[in-house]
Every structure is written in structure tokens, then in C-alpha cells.
Amino acid sequence: KMQDDKTGGVPIRTVKSFLSKIPSVVTGTDI
């Protein structure tokens, strides 16, 4: 359920960090 976007799951996103990208992450606050 947490990964289901249709039912309001946790937003999974790619984050930019310095010169690289961190894919498919969520924050502890979101969880």
C-alpha cells in the first residue's frame, strides 16, 4: 500500500545531490 501511487502511497522520487542523482528514494519523514 505504501508503494501504490493510486491509493496515495509514499512519493518515490529521484533526488539531486551535488553532481550525482539518487534514484527511487523516500524520506524517513514521509514514511
Full PDB file with SEQRES, HELIX, SHEET, SSBOND, CRYST1, ORIGX, SCALE, CONECT and MASTER records, all heavy atoms in Angstrom:
SEQRES   1 A   31  LYS MET GLN ASP ASP LYS THR GLY GLY VAL PRO ILE ARG          
SEQRES   2 A   31  THR VAL LYS SER PHE LEU SER LYS ILE PRO SER VAL VAL          
SEQRES   3 A   31  THR GLY THR ASP ILE                                          
SHEET    1 AA1 2 ARG A  13  SER A  17  0                                        
SHEET    2 AA1 2 SER A  20  VAL A  25 -1                                        
CRYST1    1.000    1.000    1.000  90.00  90.00  90.00 P 1           1          
ORIGX1      1.000000  0.000000  0.000000        0.00000                         
ORIGX2      0.000000  1.000000  0.000000        0.00000                         
ORIGX3      0.000000  0.000000  1.000000        0.00000                         
SCALE1      1.000000  0.000000  0.000000        0.00000                         
SCALE2      0.000000  1.000000  0.000000        0.00000                         
SCALE3      0.000000  0.000000  1.000000        0.00000                         
ATOM      1  N   LYS A   1       0.827  -1.210   0.000  1.00  0.00           N  
ATOM      2  CA  LYS A   1       0.000   0.000   0.000  1.00  0.00           C  
ATOM      3  C   LYS A   1       0.861   1.260   0.000  1.00  0.00           C  
ATOM      4  O   LYS A   1       0.503   2.267  -0.598  1.00  0.00           O  
ATOM      5  CB  LYS A   1      -0.926  -0.006   1.218  1.00  0.00           C  
ATOM      6  CG  LYS A   1      -1.985  -1.098   1.194  1.00  0.00           C  
ATOM      7  CD  LYS A   1      -2.832  -1.067   2.457  1.00  0.00           C  
ATOM      8  CE  LYS A   1      -3.887  -2.177   2.420  1.00  0.00           C  
ATOM      9  NZ  LYS A   1      -4.702  -2.209   3.674  1.00  0.00           N  
ATOM     10  N   MET A   2       1.995   1.188   0.677  1.00  0.00           N  
ATOM     11  CA  MET A   2       2.879   2.351   0.762  1.00  0.00           C  
ATOM     12  C   MET A   2       3.473   2.708  -0.602  1.00  0.00           C  
ATOM     13  O   MET A   2       3.790   3.866  -0.882  1.00  0.00           O  
ATOM     14  CB  MET A   2       3.997   2.063   1.778  1.00  0.00           C  
ATOM     15  CG  MET A   2       4.685   3.296   2.331  1.00  0.00           C  
ATOM     16  SD  MET A   2       5.969   2.872   3.534  1.00  0.00           S  
ATOM     17  CE  MET A   2       4.965   2.233   4.875  1.00  0.00           C  
ATOM     18  N   GLN A   3       3.637   1.703  -1.476  1.00  0.00           N  
ATOM     19  CA  GLN A   3       4.224   1.937  -2.799  1.00  0.00           C  
ATOM     20  C   GLN A   3       3.175   2.142  -3.894  1.00  0.00           C  
ATOM     21  O   GLN A   3       3.537   2.363  -5.053  1.00  0.00           O  
ATOM     22  CB  GLN A   3       5.112   0.749  -3.188  1.00  0.00           C  
ATOM     23  CG  GLN A   3       6.293   0.533  -2.266  1.00  0.00           C  
ATOM     24  CD  GLN A   3       7.132  -0.662  -2.688  1.00  0.00           C  
ATOM     25  OE1 GLN A   3       7.971  -0.577  -3.582  1.00  0.00           O  
ATOM     26  NE2 GLN A   3       6.917  -1.789  -2.027  1.00  0.00           N  
ATOM     27  N   ASP A   4       1.897   2.064  -3.522  1.00  0.00           N  
ATOM     28  CA  ASP A   4       0.819   2.199  -4.506  1.00  0.00           C  
ATOM     29  C   ASP A   4       0.492   3.674  -4.716  1.00  0.00           C  
ATOM     30  O   ASP A   4      -0.066   4.337  -3.824  1.00  0.00           O  
ATOM     31  CB  ASP A   4      -0.417   1.434  -4.023  1.00  0.00           C  
ATOM     32  CG  ASP A   4      -1.476   1.310  -5.113  1.00  0.00           C  
ATOM     33  OD1 ASP A   4      -1.286   1.909  -6.200  1.00  0.00           O  
ATOM     34  OD2 ASP A   4      -2.476   0.614  -4.884  1.00  0.00           O  
ATOM     35  N   ASP A   5       0.821   4.213  -5.886  1.00  0.00           N  
ATOM     36  CA  ASP A   5       0.569   5.622  -6.184  1.00  0.00           C  
ATOM     37  C   ASP A   5      -0.924   5.920  -6.315  1.00  0.00           C  
ATOM     38  O   ASP A   5      -1.382   7.031  -6.025  1.00  0.00           O  
ATOM     39  CB  ASP A   5       1.285   6.023  -7.477  1.00  0.00           C  
ATOM     40  CG  ASP A   5       2.805   5.930  -7.335  1.00  0.00           C  
ATOM     41  OD1 ASP A   5       3.283   6.062  -6.195  1.00  0.00           O  
ATOM     42  OD2 ASP A   5       3.493   5.718  -8.361  1.00  0.00           O  
ATOM     43  N   LYS A   6      -1.713   4.945  -6.749  1.00  0.00           N  
ATOM     44  CA  LYS A   6      -3.132   5.172  -6.998  1.00  0.00           C  
ATOM     45  C   LYS A   6      -3.916   5.390  -5.707  1.00  0.00           C  
ATOM     46  O   LYS A   6      -4.939   6.072  -5.703  1.00  0.00           O  
ATOM     47  CB  LYS A   6      -3.729   3.986  -7.761  1.00  0.00           C  
ATOM     48  CG  LYS A   6      -3.110   3.787  -9.148  1.00  0.00           C  
ATOM     49  CD  LYS A   6      -3.729   2.582  -9.845  1.00  0.00           C  
ATOM     50  CE  LYS A   6      -3.107   2.378 -11.221  1.00  0.00           C  
ATOM     51  NZ  LYS A   6      -3.677   1.194 -11.919  1.00  0.00           N  
ATOM     52  N   THR A   7      -3.449   4.786  -4.613  1.00  0.00           N  
ATOM     53  CA  THR A   7      -4.162   4.913  -3.338  1.00  0.00           C  
ATOM     54  C   THR A   7      -3.445   5.850  -2.367  1.00  0.00           C  
ATOM     55  O   THR A   7      -3.626   5.752  -1.152  1.00  0.00           O  
ATOM     56  CB  THR A   7      -4.322   3.525  -2.693  1.00  0.00           C  
ATOM     57  OG1 THR A   7      -3.020   2.943  -2.491  1.00  0.00           O  
ATOM     58  CG2 THR A   7      -5.162   2.620  -3.569  1.00  0.00           C  
ATOM     59  N   GLY A   8      -2.627   6.742  -2.898  1.00  0.00           N  
ATOM     60  CA  GLY A   8      -1.950   7.713  -2.032  1.00  0.00           C  
ATOM     61  C   GLY A   8      -0.772   7.147  -1.280  1.00  0.00           C  
ATOM     62  O   GLY A   8      -0.672   7.302  -0.055  1.00  0.00           O  
ATOM     63  N   GLY A   9       0.128   6.469  -1.997  1.00  0.00           N  
ATOM     64  CA  GLY A   9       1.317   5.913  -1.361  1.00  0.00           C  
ATOM     65  C   GLY A   9       2.359   6.980  -1.074  1.00  0.00           C  
ATOM     66  O   GLY A   9       2.164   8.181  -1.312  1.00  0.00           O  
ATOM     67  N   VAL A  10       3.490   6.552  -0.572  1.00  0.00           N  
ATOM     68  CA  VAL A  10       4.596   7.470  -0.280  1.00  0.00           C  
ATOM     69  C   VAL A  10       5.228   7.917  -1.597  1.00  0.00           C  
ATOM     70  O   VAL A  10       5.509   7.076  -2.465  1.00  0.00           O  
ATOM     71  CB  VAL A  10       5.643   6.779   0.616  1.00  0.00           C  
ATOM     72  CG1 VAL A  10       6.801   7.728   0.918  1.00  0.00           C  
ATOM     73  CG2 VAL A  10       5.009   6.306   1.907  1.00  0.00           C  
ATOM     74  N   PRO A  11       5.453   9.217  -1.786  1.00  0.00           N  
ATOM     75  CA  PRO A  11       6.056   9.691  -3.042  1.00  0.00           C  
ATOM     76  C   PRO A  11       7.505   9.213  -3.203  1.00  0.00           C  
ATOM     77  O   PRO A  11       8.359   9.504  -2.371  1.00  0.00           O  
ATOM     78  CB  PRO A  11       5.989  11.217  -2.911  1.00  0.00           C  
ATOM     79  CG  PRO A  11       5.879  11.481  -1.444  1.00  0.00           C  
ATOM     80  CD  PRO A  11       5.136  10.327  -0.865  1.00  0.00           C  
ATOM     81  N   ILE A  12       7.734   8.447  -4.266  1.00  0.00           N  
ATOM     82  CA  ILE A  12       9.077   7.944  -4.577  1.00  0.00           C  
ATOM     83  C   ILE A  12       9.669   8.842  -5.659  1.00  0.00           C  
ATOM     84  O   ILE A  12       9.062   9.037  -6.711  1.00  0.00           O  
ATOM     85  CB  ILE A  12       9.031   6.484  -5.048  1.00  0.00           C  
ATOM     86  CG1 ILE A  12       8.399   5.605  -3.968  1.00  0.00           C  
ATOM     87  CG2 ILE A  12      10.429   5.971  -5.389  1.00  0.00           C  
ATOM     88  CD1 ILE A  12       8.137   4.177  -4.410  1.00  0.00           C  
ATOM     89  N   ARG A  13      10.852   9.376  -5.414  1.00  0.00           N  
ATOM     90  CA  ARG A  13      11.396  10.353  -6.344  1.00  0.00           C  
ATOM     91  C   ARG A  13      12.903  10.192  -6.480  1.00  0.00           C  
ATOM     92  O   ARG A  13      13.552   9.490  -5.696  1.00  0.00           O  
ATOM     93  CB  ARG A  13      11.063  11.767  -5.877  1.00  0.00           C  
ATOM     94  CG  ARG A  13      11.507  12.073  -4.450  1.00  0.00           C  
ATOM     95  CD  ARG A  13      11.008  13.436  -4.009  1.00  0.00           C  
ATOM     96  NE  ARG A  13      11.450  13.777  -2.663  1.00  0.00           N  
ATOM     97  CZ  ARG A  13      10.794  13.463  -1.558  1.00  0.00           C  
ATOM     98  NH1 ARG A  13       9.671  12.779  -1.648  1.00  0.00           N  
ATOM     99  NH2 ARG A  13      11.244  13.814  -0.368  1.00  0.00           N  
ATOM    100  N   THR A  14      13.448  10.876  -7.479  1.00  0.00           N  
ATOM    101  CA  THR A  14      14.894  10.945  -7.694  1.00  0.00           C  
ATOM    102  C   THR A  14      15.387  12.293  -7.201  1.00  0.00           C  
ATOM    103  O   THR A  14      14.843  13.340  -7.562  1.00  0.00           O  
ATOM    104  CB  THR A  14      15.232  10.775  -9.184  1.00  0.00           C  
ATOM    105  OG1 THR A  14      14.788   9.484  -9.611  1.00  0.00           O  
ATOM    106  CG2 THR A  14      16.733  10.887  -9.409  1.00  0.00           C  
ATOM    107  N   VAL A  15      16.407  12.263  -6.368  1.00  0.00           N  
ATOM    108  CA  VAL A  15      16.904  13.477  -5.715  1.00  0.00           C  
ATOM    109  C   VAL A  15      18.282  13.804  -6.254  1.00  0.00           C  
ATOM    110  O   VAL A  15      19.123  12.915  -6.450  1.00  0.00           O  
ATOM    111  CB  VAL A  15      16.961  13.279  -4.179  1.00  0.00           C  
ATOM    112  CG1 VAL A  15      17.456  14.542  -3.497  1.00  0.00           C  
ATOM    113  CG2 VAL A  15      15.587  12.900  -3.641  1.00  0.00           C  
ATOM    114  N   LYS A  16      18.521  15.078  -6.501  1.00  0.00           N  
ATOM    115  CA  LYS A  16      19.841  15.538  -6.931  1.00  0.00           C  
ATOM    116  C   LYS A  16      20.709  15.814  -5.716  1.00  0.00           C  
ATOM    117  O   LYS A  16      20.289  16.477  -4.772  1.00  0.00           O  
ATOM    118  CB  LYS A  16      19.715  16.802  -7.782  1.00  0.00           C  
ATOM    119  CG  LYS A  16      19.031  16.579  -9.129  1.00  0.00           C  
ATOM    120  CD  LYS A  16      19.015  17.861  -9.946  1.00  0.00           C  
ATOM    121  CE  LYS A  16      18.356  17.625 -11.307  1.00  0.00           C  
ATOM    122  NZ  LYS A  16      18.315  18.876 -12.119  1.00  0.00           N  
ATOM    123  N   SER A  17      21.922  15.305  -5.745  1.00  0.00           N  
ATOM    124  CA  SER A  17      22.864  15.501  -4.654  1.00  0.00           C  
ATOM    125  C   SER A  17      24.228  15.844  -5.233  1.00  0.00           C  
ATOM    126  O   SER A  17      24.898  14.989  -5.830  1.00  0.00           O  
ATOM    127  CB  SER A  17      22.951  14.232  -3.790  1.00  0.00           C  
ATOM    128  OG  SER A  17      23.930  14.369  -2.786  1.00  0.00           O  
ATOM    129  N   PHE A  18      24.634  17.099  -5.085  1.00  0.00           N  
ATOM    130  CA  PHE A  18      25.902  17.590  -5.602  1.00  0.00           C  
ATOM    131  C   PHE A  18      25.968  17.344  -7.112  1.00  0.00           C  
ATOM    132  O   PHE A  18      25.211  17.922  -7.863  1.00  0.00           O  
ATOM    133  CB  PHE A  18      27.069  16.930  -4.857  1.00  0.00           C  
ATOM    134  CG  PHE A  18      28.392  17.617  -5.085  1.00  0.00           C  
ATOM    135  CD1 PHE A  18      28.499  19.002  -4.994  1.00  0.00           C  
ATOM    136  CD2 PHE A  18      29.517  16.890  -5.419  1.00  0.00           C  
ATOM    137  CE1 PHE A  18      29.707  19.635  -5.218  1.00  0.00           C  
ATOM    138  CE2 PHE A  18      30.727  17.526  -5.645  1.00  0.00           C  
ATOM    139  CZ  PHE A  18      30.820  18.895  -5.532  1.00  0.00           C  
ATOM    140  N   LEU A  19      26.852  16.474  -7.585  1.00  0.00           N  
ATOM    141  CA  LEU A  19      26.990  16.232  -9.021  1.00  0.00           C  
ATOM    142  C   LEU A  19      26.324  14.934  -9.471  1.00  0.00           C  
ATOM    143  O   LEU A  19      26.477  14.527 -10.626  1.00  0.00           O  
ATOM    144  CB  LEU A  19      28.475  16.201  -9.402  1.00  0.00           C  
ATOM    145  CG  LEU A  19      29.256  17.500  -9.157  1.00  0.00           C  
ATOM    146  CD1 LEU A  19      30.717  17.297  -9.511  1.00  0.00           C  
ATOM    147  CD2 LEU A  19      28.663  18.666  -9.945  1.00  0.00           C  
ATOM    148  N   SER A  20      25.615  14.258  -8.574  1.00  0.00           N  
ATOM    149  CA  SER A  20      25.006  12.975  -8.910  1.00  0.00           C  
ATOM    150  C   SER A  20      23.520  12.983  -8.577  1.00  0.00           C  
ATOM    151  O   SER A  20      23.012  13.917  -7.942  1.00  0.00           O  
ATOM    152  CB  SER A  20      25.704  11.837  -8.157  1.00  0.00           C  
ATOM    153  OG  SER A  20      25.561  12.022  -6.754  1.00  0.00           O  
ATOM    154  N   LYS A  21      22.829  11.943  -9.008  1.00  0.00           N  
ATOM    155  CA  LYS A  21      21.414  11.773  -8.732  1.00  0.00           C  
ATOM    156  C   LYS A  21      21.198  10.514  -7.903  1.00  0.00           C  
ATOM    157  O   LYS A  21      21.859   9.498  -8.122  1.00  0.00           O  
ATOM    158  CB  LYS A  21      20.625  11.664 -10.035  1.00  0.00           C  
ATOM    159  CG  LYS A  21      20.615  12.940 -10.860  1.00  0.00           C  
ATOM    160  CD  LYS A  21      19.760  12.763 -12.103  1.00  0.00           C  
ATOM    161  CE  LYS A  21      19.719  14.042 -12.928  1.00  0.00           C  
ATOM    162  NZ  LYS A  21      18.877  13.876 -14.155  1.00  0.00           N  
ATOM    163  N   ILE A  22      20.274  10.600  -6.951  1.00  0.00           N  
ATOM    164  CA  ILE A  22      19.936   9.458  -6.099  1.00  0.00           C  
ATOM    165  C   ILE A  22      18.541   8.998  -6.504  1.00  0.00           C  
ATOM    166  O   ILE A  22      17.545   9.665  -6.202  1.00  0.00           O  
ATOM    167  CB  ILE A  22      19.960   9.841  -4.612  1.00  0.00           C  
ATOM    168  CG1 ILE A  22      21.301  10.471  -4.241  1.00  0.00           C  
ATOM    169  CG2 ILE A  22      19.693   8.618  -3.738  1.00  0.00           C  
ATOM    170  CD1 ILE A  22      21.367  10.982  -2.821  1.00  0.00           C  
ATOM    171  N   PRO A  23      18.425   7.854  -7.184  1.00  0.00           N  
ATOM    172  CA  PRO A  23      17.123   7.423  -7.716  1.00  0.00           C  
ATOM    173  C   PRO A  23      16.287   6.649  -6.709  1.00  0.00           C  
ATOM    174  O   PRO A  23      16.812   5.991  -5.810  1.00  0.00           O  
ATOM    175  CB  PRO A  23      17.527   6.526  -8.894  1.00  0.00           C  
ATOM    176  CG  PRO A  23      18.838   5.937  -8.477  1.00  0.00           C  
ATOM    177  CD  PRO A  23      19.522   6.986  -7.631  1.00  0.00           C  
ATOM    178  N   SER A  24      14.974   6.718  -6.888  1.00  0.00           N  
ATOM    179  CA  SER A  24      13.993   5.871  -6.181  1.00  0.00           C  
ATOM    180  C   SER A  24      14.165   5.890  -4.674  1.00  0.00           C  
ATOM    181  O   SER A  24      14.409   4.862  -4.040  1.00  0.00           O  
ATOM    182  CB  SER A  24      14.081   4.429  -6.692  1.00  0.00           C  
ATOM    183  OG  SER A  24      13.836   4.382  -8.068  1.00  0.00           O  
ATOM    184  N   VAL A  25      14.025   7.070  -4.069  1.00  0.00           N  
ATOM    185  CA  VAL A  25      14.180   7.188  -2.617  1.00  0.00           C  
ATOM    186  C   VAL A  25      12.965   7.894  -2.025  1.00  0.00           C  
ATOM    187  O   VAL A  25      12.227   8.603  -2.712  1.00  0.00           O  
ATOM    188  CB  VAL A  25      15.462   7.964  -2.244  1.00  0.00           C  
ATOM    189  CG1 VAL A  25      16.703   7.198  -2.637  1.00  0.00           C  
ATOM    190  CG2 VAL A  25      15.464   9.357  -2.864  1.00  0.00           C  
ATOM    191  N   VAL A  26      12.771   7.659  -0.738  1.00  0.00           N  
ATOM    192  CA  VAL A  26      11.766   8.369   0.062  1.00  0.00           C  
ATOM    193  C   VAL A  26      12.464   8.835   1.338  1.00  0.00           C  
ATOM    194  O   VAL A  26      13.518   8.306   1.702  1.00  0.00           O  
ATOM    195  CB  VAL A  26      10.563   7.465   0.405  1.00  0.00           C  
ATOM    196  CG1 VAL A  26       9.836   7.037  -0.847  1.00  0.00           C  
ATOM    197  CG2 VAL A  26      11.014   6.245   1.196  1.00  0.00           C  
ATOM    198  N   THR A  27      11.886   9.789   2.020  1.00  0.00           N  
ATOM    199  CA  THR A  27      12.480  10.262   3.267  1.00  0.00           C  
ATOM    200  C   THR A  27      11.833   9.581   4.456  1.00  0.00           C  
ATOM    201  O   THR A  27      10.695   9.083   4.377  1.00  0.00           O  
ATOM    202  CB  THR A  27      12.325  11.784   3.399  1.00  0.00           C  
ATOM    203  OG1 THR A  27      10.917  12.107   3.476  1.00  0.00           O  
ATOM    204  CG2 THR A  27      12.953  12.506   2.216  1.00  0.00           C  
ATOM    205  N   GLY A  28      12.569   9.583   5.567  1.00  0.00           N  
ATOM    206  CA  GLY A  28      12.015   8.999   6.783  1.00  0.00           C  
ATOM    207  C   GLY A  28      10.771   9.727   7.252  1.00  0.00           C  
ATOM    208  O   GLY A  28       9.831   9.117   7.775  1.00  0.00           O  
ATOM    209  N   THR A  29      10.733  11.041   7.066  1.00  0.00           N  
ATOM    210  CA  THR A  29       9.555  11.831   7.453  1.00  0.00           C  
ATOM    211  C   THR A  29       8.328  11.408   6.659  1.00  0.00           C  
ATOM    212  O   THR A  29       7.217  11.281   7.213  1.00  0.00           O  
ATOM    213  CB  THR A  29       9.832  13.327   7.234  1.00  0.00           C  
ATOM    214  OG1 THR A  29      10.981  13.715   7.994  1.00  0.00           O  
ATOM    215  CG2 THR A  29       8.635  14.172   7.657  1.00  0.00           C  
ATOM    216  N   ASP A  30       8.512  11.166   5.345  1.00  0.00           N  
ATOM    217  CA  ASP A  30       7.383  10.727   4.507  1.00  0.00           C  
ATOM    218  C   ASP A  30       6.813   9.403   4.998  1.00  0.00           C  
ATOM    219  O   ASP A  30       5.587   9.219   5.056  1.00  0.00           O  
ATOM    220  CB  ASP A  30       7.831  10.590   3.050  1.00  0.00           C  
ATOM    221  CG  ASP A  30       8.158  11.937   2.414  1.00  0.00           C  
ATOM    222  OD1 ASP A  30       7.645  12.957   2.923  1.00  0.00           O  
ATOM    223  OD2 ASP A  30       8.926  11.962   1.436  1.00  0.00           O  
ATOM    224  N   ILE A  31       7.674   8.479   5.351  1.00  0.00           N  
ATOM    225  CA  ILE A  31       7.215   7.157   5.817  1.00  0.00           C  
ATOM    226  C   ILE A  31       6.468   7.276   7.134  1.00  0.00           C  
ATOM    227  O   ILE A  31       5.395   6.690   7.325  1.00  0.00           O  
ATOM    228  CB  ILE A  31       8.405   6.187   5.948  1.00  0.00           C  
ATOM    229  CG1 ILE A  31       9.033   5.922   4.570  1.00  0.00           C  
ATOM    230  CG2 ILE A  31       7.974   4.879   6.595  1.00  0.00           C  
ATOM    231  CD1 ILE A  31      10.281   5.072   4.611  1.00  0.00           C  
TER     232      ILE A  31                                                      
MASTER        0    0    0    0    2    0    0    6  231    1    0    3          
END                                                                             
